[in-house]
Amino acid sequence: MGQKEYSVPQLLRDIKEMLFGIALILLGGIMIITDDGLILFGGVFLLLYGAYCVWNGKNRELSEKNDESQKQER
């Protein structure tokens, strides 16, 4: 039960970061479709940054604080 106390906030933070990344990808895609010079460059930047946010939110490892308490109990 104690393990969930630490992993739920981190999981919610990762979900928030992934949703933010998806929103950036969509916005970047819309900007690229408009095909205007400076907007095109900004769209590519947003697309790449959104992909980074999704990748980072998906692959972050949860750090378990209960590992130390479980070792002390044994």
Protein backbone atom coordinates (compact mmCIF):
# COMPACT_ATOMS: atom_id res chain seq x y z
CA MET A 1 0.00 0.00 0.00
CA GLY A 2 2.83 2.39 0.78
CA GLN A 3 4.27 1.82 -2.66
CA LYS A 4 1.23 3.45 -4.30
CA GLU A 5 1.70 6.60 -2.24
CA TYR A 6 4.92 7.38 -4.07
CA SER A 7 4.13 6.12 -7.56
CA VAL A 8 0.73 7.78 -8.13
CA PRO A 9 1.96 11.41 -8.12
CA GLN A 10 4.85 10.47 -10.40
CA LEU A 11 2.48 8.62 -12.73
CA LEU A 12 0.17 11.64 -12.88
CA ARG A 13 3.13 13.90 -13.64
CA ASP A 14 4.19 11.59 -16.46
CA ILE A 15 0.65 11.54 -17.88
CA LYS A 16 0.53 15.33 -17.73
CA GLU A 17 3.84 15.58 -19.55
CA MET A 18 2.68 13.14 -22.23
CA LEU A 19 -0.57 15.07 -22.79
CA PHE A 20 1.39 18.32 -23.01
CA GLY A 21 3.68 16.70 -25.58
CA ILE A 22 0.72 15.46 -27.62
CA ALA A 23 -0.77 18.96 -27.60
CA LEU A 24 2.56 20.40 -28.80
CA ILE A 25 2.75 17.80 -31.57
CA LEU A 26 -0.75 18.71 -32.75
CA LEU A 27 -0.01 22.43 -32.63
CA GLY A 28 3.29 21.91 -34.45
CA GLY A 29 1.53 19.84 -37.11
CA ILE A 30 -1.05 22.58 -37.64
CA MET A 31 1.70 25.18 -37.94
CA ILE A 32 3.56 23.03 -40.48
CA ILE A 33 0.41 22.60 -42.56
CA THR A 34 0.03 26.39 -42.86
CA ASP A 35 3.38 26.35 -44.75
CA ASP A 36 4.54 29.87 -43.93
CA GLY A 37 8.27 30.58 -43.47
CA LEU A 38 8.74 31.46 -39.80
CA ILE A 39 5.66 29.55 -38.74
CA LEU A 40 7.06 26.46 -40.48
CA PHE A 41 10.26 26.68 -38.44
CA GLY A 42 8.29 27.15 -35.22
CA GLY A 43 6.05 24.22 -36.13
CA VAL A 44 9.01 21.91 -36.60
CA PHE A 45 10.45 23.05 -33.27
CA LEU A 46 7.13 22.43 -31.49
CA LEU A 47 6.77 19.06 -33.15
CA LEU A 48 10.23 17.96 -32.02
CA TYR A 49 9.80 19.33 -28.50
CA GLY A 50 6.40 17.64 -28.22
CA ALA A 51 7.93 14.34 -29.30
CA TYR A 52 10.64 14.80 -26.66
CA CYS A 53 8.02 15.44 -23.95
CA VAL A 54 6.06 12.33 -24.91
CA TRP A 55 9.23 10.22 -25.01
CA ASN A 56 10.40 11.58 -21.66
CA GLY A 57 7.03 11.03 -20.01
CA LYS A 58 6.77 7.50 -21.38
CA ASN A 59 10.25 6.30 -20.46
CA ARG A 60 10.80 7.85 -17.05
CA GLU A 61 11.46 5.24 -14.39
CA LEU A 62 9.60 5.50 -11.14
CA SER A 63 11.89 5.79 -8.17
CA GLU A 64 10.68 3.68 -5.31
CA LYS A 65 11.21 5.12 -1.86
CA ASN A 66 9.85 1.98 -0.24
CA ASP A 67 12.88 -0.08 -1.24
CA GLU A 68 14.84 1.29 1.70
CA SER A 69 11.99 0.72 4.17
CA GLN A 70 11.48 -2.86 2.93
CA LYS A 71 15.19 -3.60 3.37
CA GLN A 72 15.12 -2.23 6.92
CA GLU A 73 12.15 -4.44 7.85
CA ARG A 74 14.01 -7.60 6.81
